[in-house]
Amino acid sequence: MSRIGKKPVTAPGGVTISVGKDNVVTVKGPKGELKQAIDRDIAVEIKDGNIIFNRPTDQIRHRALHGLYRSLVSNMVKGVTDGFERKLELIGVGFKAANQGNVLDLALGYSHNIIFEVPKELKVATAQEKGQNPIITLEGIDKQLIGQVAAKLRSLRKPEPYKGKGVRYVGEVVRKKAGKAAGK
């Protein structure tokens, strides 16, 4: 039995969970509503405000899906109650970030600025304090979407291994290489 899959997901107060036809789980909470289609082999039942996931066999596929869907629904419950946040920092001389609504304007050392449109489900904020690196903050209820957008922003200028310049997550450690002077 999957250790993650067999743990029930507890719904806090103010969160309603329903399983519709075609095994679609809907989670409604104070911050919004999320839906997730569950594989037809995984049985979903709601007992006393807890969501329990059961699998029919011990096949590798069923074992993998068991823990996956439990984690996805758990993240949905956390998202509609607390929400998720991801911060990125821009490290480099002249690197800037500004936003108007959900449109980011990034100066990342290229010959042109990069205009990036963030999905409307997310809130984006930029902060630029004197002496500090610019910080981009993404907030929303969908953990998957925040991770995908943050990864896309990071891919615009990945941290390079010699000086560490680029876009990175706050708290991310970039391993630096020795330059060519170390070879002599």
Protein backbone atom coordinates (compact mmCIF):
# COMPACT_ATOMS: atom_id res chain seq x y z
CA MET A 1 0.00 0.00 0.00
CA SER A 2 1.25 3.46 -0.84
CA ARG A 3 2.13 5.25 2.38
CA ILE A 4 0.99 8.56 0.94
CA GLY A 5 -2.06 7.15 -0.85
CA LYS A 6 -3.55 5.47 2.21
CA LYS A 7 -3.51 8.65 4.33
CA PRO A 8 -6.91 10.38 4.17
CA VAL A 9 -7.11 14.03 3.12
CA THR A 10 -8.83 16.09 5.81
CA ALA A 11 -11.05 18.96 4.74
CA PRO A 12 -10.81 21.95 7.10
CA GLY A 13 -13.84 24.08 7.94
CA GLY A 14 -15.13 26.19 5.08
CA VAL A 15 -13.97 23.71 2.42
CA THR A 16 -16.49 21.58 0.54
CA ILE A 17 -15.38 18.58 -1.49
CA SER A 18 -17.56 16.73 -3.96
CA VAL A 19 -17.01 13.89 -6.39
CA GLY A 20 -18.98 14.34 -9.60
CA LYS A 21 -19.62 12.06 -12.51
CA ASP A 22 -16.59 10.84 -14.48
CA ASN A 23 -14.59 10.86 -11.18
CA VAL A 24 -14.02 14.64 -11.11
CA VAL A 25 -13.14 15.97 -7.65
CA THR A 26 -14.22 19.57 -6.99
CA VAL A 27 -12.79 21.49 -4.03
CA LYS A 28 -14.38 24.81 -3.05
CA GLY A 29 -12.93 27.05 -0.37
CA PRO A 30 -12.59 30.65 0.74
CA LYS A 31 -9.97 31.46 -1.94
CA GLY A 32 -11.64 29.77 -4.92
CA GLU A 33 -12.52 26.51 -6.62
CA LEU A 34 -10.34 23.80 -8.21
CA LYS A 35 -11.22 20.66 -10.17
CA GLN A 36 -9.19 17.53 -10.84
CA ALA A 37 -10.15 14.54 -12.98
CA ILE A 38 -9.21 11.27 -11.25
CA ASP A 39 -8.34 8.10 -13.18
CA ARG A 40 -11.33 5.74 -13.39
CA ASP A 41 -9.38 2.92 -11.69
CA ILE A 42 -8.89 4.91 -8.47
CA ALA A 43 -11.97 4.91 -6.21
CA VAL A 44 -12.67 8.14 -4.32
CA GLU A 45 -15.02 8.22 -1.33
CA ILE A 46 -15.86 10.90 1.20
CA LYS A 47 -16.41 9.86 4.82
CA ASP A 48 -16.89 12.27 7.73
CA GLY A 49 -15.19 15.17 5.89
CA ASN A 50 -12.20 13.00 4.91
CA ILE A 51 -11.38 11.92 1.36
CA ILE A 52 -10.15 8.35 1.01
CA PHE A 53 -8.48 6.95 -2.12
CA ASN A 54 -8.54 3.20 -2.88
CA ARG A 55 -6.87 1.28 -5.69
CA PRO A 56 -8.15 -1.99 -7.18
CA THR A 57 -4.85 -3.93 -7.51
CA ASP A 58 -1.16 -3.77 -6.70
CA GLN A 59 -0.10 -3.13 -10.30
CA ILE A 60 2.71 -0.60 -10.66
CA ARG A 61 0.40 1.79 -12.52
CA HIS A 62 -2.27 1.66 -9.81
CA ARG A 63 0.30 2.11 -7.04
CA ALA A 64 1.72 5.18 -8.78
CA LEU A 65 -1.68 6.78 -9.39
CA HIS A 66 -2.82 6.07 -5.81
CA GLY A 67 -0.28 8.39 -4.21
CA LEU A 68 -0.37 10.89 -7.08
CA TYR A 69 -4.06 11.68 -6.87
CA ARG A 70 -4.01 11.84 -3.09
CA SER A 71 -1.19 14.43 -3.27
CA LEU A 72 -2.96 16.44 -5.98
CA VAL A 73 -6.20 16.65 -3.98
CA SER A 74 -4.26 17.48 -0.80
CA ASN A 75 -2.57 20.37 -2.65
CA MET A 76 -5.97 21.53 -3.92
CA VAL A 77 -7.33 21.65 -0.35
CA LYS A 78 -4.28 23.59 0.84
CA GLY A 79 -4.54 25.95 -2.14
CA VAL A 80 -8.18 26.94 -1.58
CA THR A 81 -7.58 27.53 2.14
CA ASP A 82 -4.11 29.12 2.36
CA GLY A 83 -2.91 29.54 -1.22
CA PHE A 84 0.62 29.13 -2.55
CA GLU A 85 3.44 31.59 -3.12
CA ARG A 86 6.68 31.36 -5.11
CA LYS A 87 9.42 34.02 -5.15
CA LEU A 88 12.11 34.47 -7.77
CA GLU A 89 15.07 36.84 -7.62
CA LEU A 90 16.98 38.40 -10.49
CA ILE A 91 20.72 38.42 -9.91
CA GLY A 92 22.83 40.47 -12.31
CA VAL A 93 23.88 44.01 -13.13
CA GLY A 94 21.02 45.89 -14.76
CA PHE A 95 18.47 43.09 -14.30
CA LYS A 96 15.05 44.64 -13.65
CA ALA A 97 11.45 43.52 -13.28
CA ALA A 98 8.27 45.59 -13.45
CA ASN A 99 4.64 44.63 -13.80
CA GLN A 100 1.41 46.22 -14.92
CA GLY A 101 -1.41 43.94 -13.83
CA ASN A 102 -0.42 40.46 -14.98
CA VAL A 103 2.12 41.57 -17.60
CA LEU A 104 5.77 41.34 -16.54
CA ASP A 105 8.44 43.48 -18.19
CA LEU A 106 11.85 41.87 -17.62
CA ALA A 107 15.29 43.29 -18.43
CA LEU A 108 17.61 40.27 -18.25
CA GLY A 109 20.71 41.43 -20.07
CA TYR A 110 19.47 40.74 -23.59
CA SER A 111 19.31 43.42 -26.31
CA HIS A 112 15.56 43.69 -25.70
CA ASN A 113 13.15 43.54 -22.76
CA ILE A 114 11.09 40.38 -22.35
CA ILE A 115 7.33 40.87 -22.02
CA PHE A 116 5.80 37.90 -20.18
CA GLU A 117 2.06 37.52 -19.66
CA VAL A 118 1.21 35.69 -16.42
CA PRO A 119 -2.05 33.66 -16.44
CA LYS A 120 -5.03 35.50 -14.97
CA GLU A 121 -5.44 32.87 -12.20
CA LEU A 122 -2.21 34.11 -10.58
CA LYS A 123 -1.30 37.40 -8.91
CA VAL A 124 2.14 38.78 -9.67
CA ALA A 125 4.05 41.45 -7.77
CA THR A 126 7.53 42.88 -8.22
CA ALA A 127 9.72 44.54 -5.61
CA GLN A 128 12.91 46.52 -6.15
CA GLU A 129 14.62 47.83 -3.02
CA LYS A 130 17.82 49.82 -3.16
CA GLY A 131 20.83 47.55 -2.68
CA GLN A 132 18.74 44.41 -3.10
CA ASN A 133 18.05 42.15 -6.09
CA PRO A 134 14.65 42.54 -7.81
CA ILE A 135 12.11 39.98 -6.57
CA ILE A 136 9.10 38.58 -8.45
CA THR A 137 6.33 37.08 -6.29
CA LEU A 138 3.73 34.71 -7.74
CA GLU A 139 0.60 33.92 -5.70
CA GLY A 140 -2.39 31.71 -6.44
CA ILE A 141 -4.39 28.65 -5.45
CA ASP A 142 -3.08 26.20 -8.08
CA LYS A 143 0.31 24.79 -7.03
CA GLN A 144 0.86 23.16 -10.41
CA LEU A 145 0.31 26.41 -12.34
CA ILE A 146 2.55 28.45 -10.02
CA GLY A 147 5.37 25.93 -10.41
CA GLN A 148 4.99 25.88 -14.19
CA VAL A 149 5.03 29.69 -14.53
CA ALA A 150 7.96 30.02 -12.10
CA ALA A 151 9.94 27.42 -14.07
CA LYS A 152 9.20 29.25 -17.33
CA LEU A 153 10.40 32.56 -15.83
CA ARG A 154 13.56 30.86 -14.54
CA SER A 155 14.23 29.36 -17.98
CA LEU A 156 14.39 32.85 -19.54
CA ARG A 157 17.87 33.27 -17.98
CA LYS A 158 19.03 30.29 -15.92
CA PRO A 159 21.68 30.93 -13.25
CA GLU A 160 25.08 30.41 -14.82
CA PRO A 161 27.71 28.44 -12.88
CA TYR A 162 30.61 30.94 -12.90
CA LYS A 163 29.16 34.14 -11.43
CA GLY A 164 25.65 32.92 -10.52
CA LYS A 165 23.88 35.56 -12.64
CA GLY A 166 20.35 34.84 -13.78
CA VAL A 167 16.83 34.19 -12.48
CA ARG A 168 16.62 31.86 -9.49
CA TYR A 169 14.19 30.89 -6.77
CA VAL A 170 14.67 32.69 -3.45
CA GLY A 171 16.81 30.42 -1.30
CA GLU A 172 18.09 28.35 -4.24
CA VAL A 173 21.78 27.48 -3.97
CA VAL A 174 23.74 27.55 -7.23
CA ARG A 175 26.97 25.55 -7.21
CA LYS A 176 29.72 27.68 -8.66
CA LYS A 177 32.62 26.42 -10.75
CA ALA A 178 36.18 27.67 -10.56
CA GLY A 179 37.17 29.83 -13.50
CA LYS A 180 40.06 29.21 -15.90
CA ALA A 181 42.53 30.85 -13.48
CA ALA A 182 42.16 27.85 -11.19
CA GLY A 183 43.65 25.57 -13.87
CA LYS A 184 47.17 27.05 -13.61
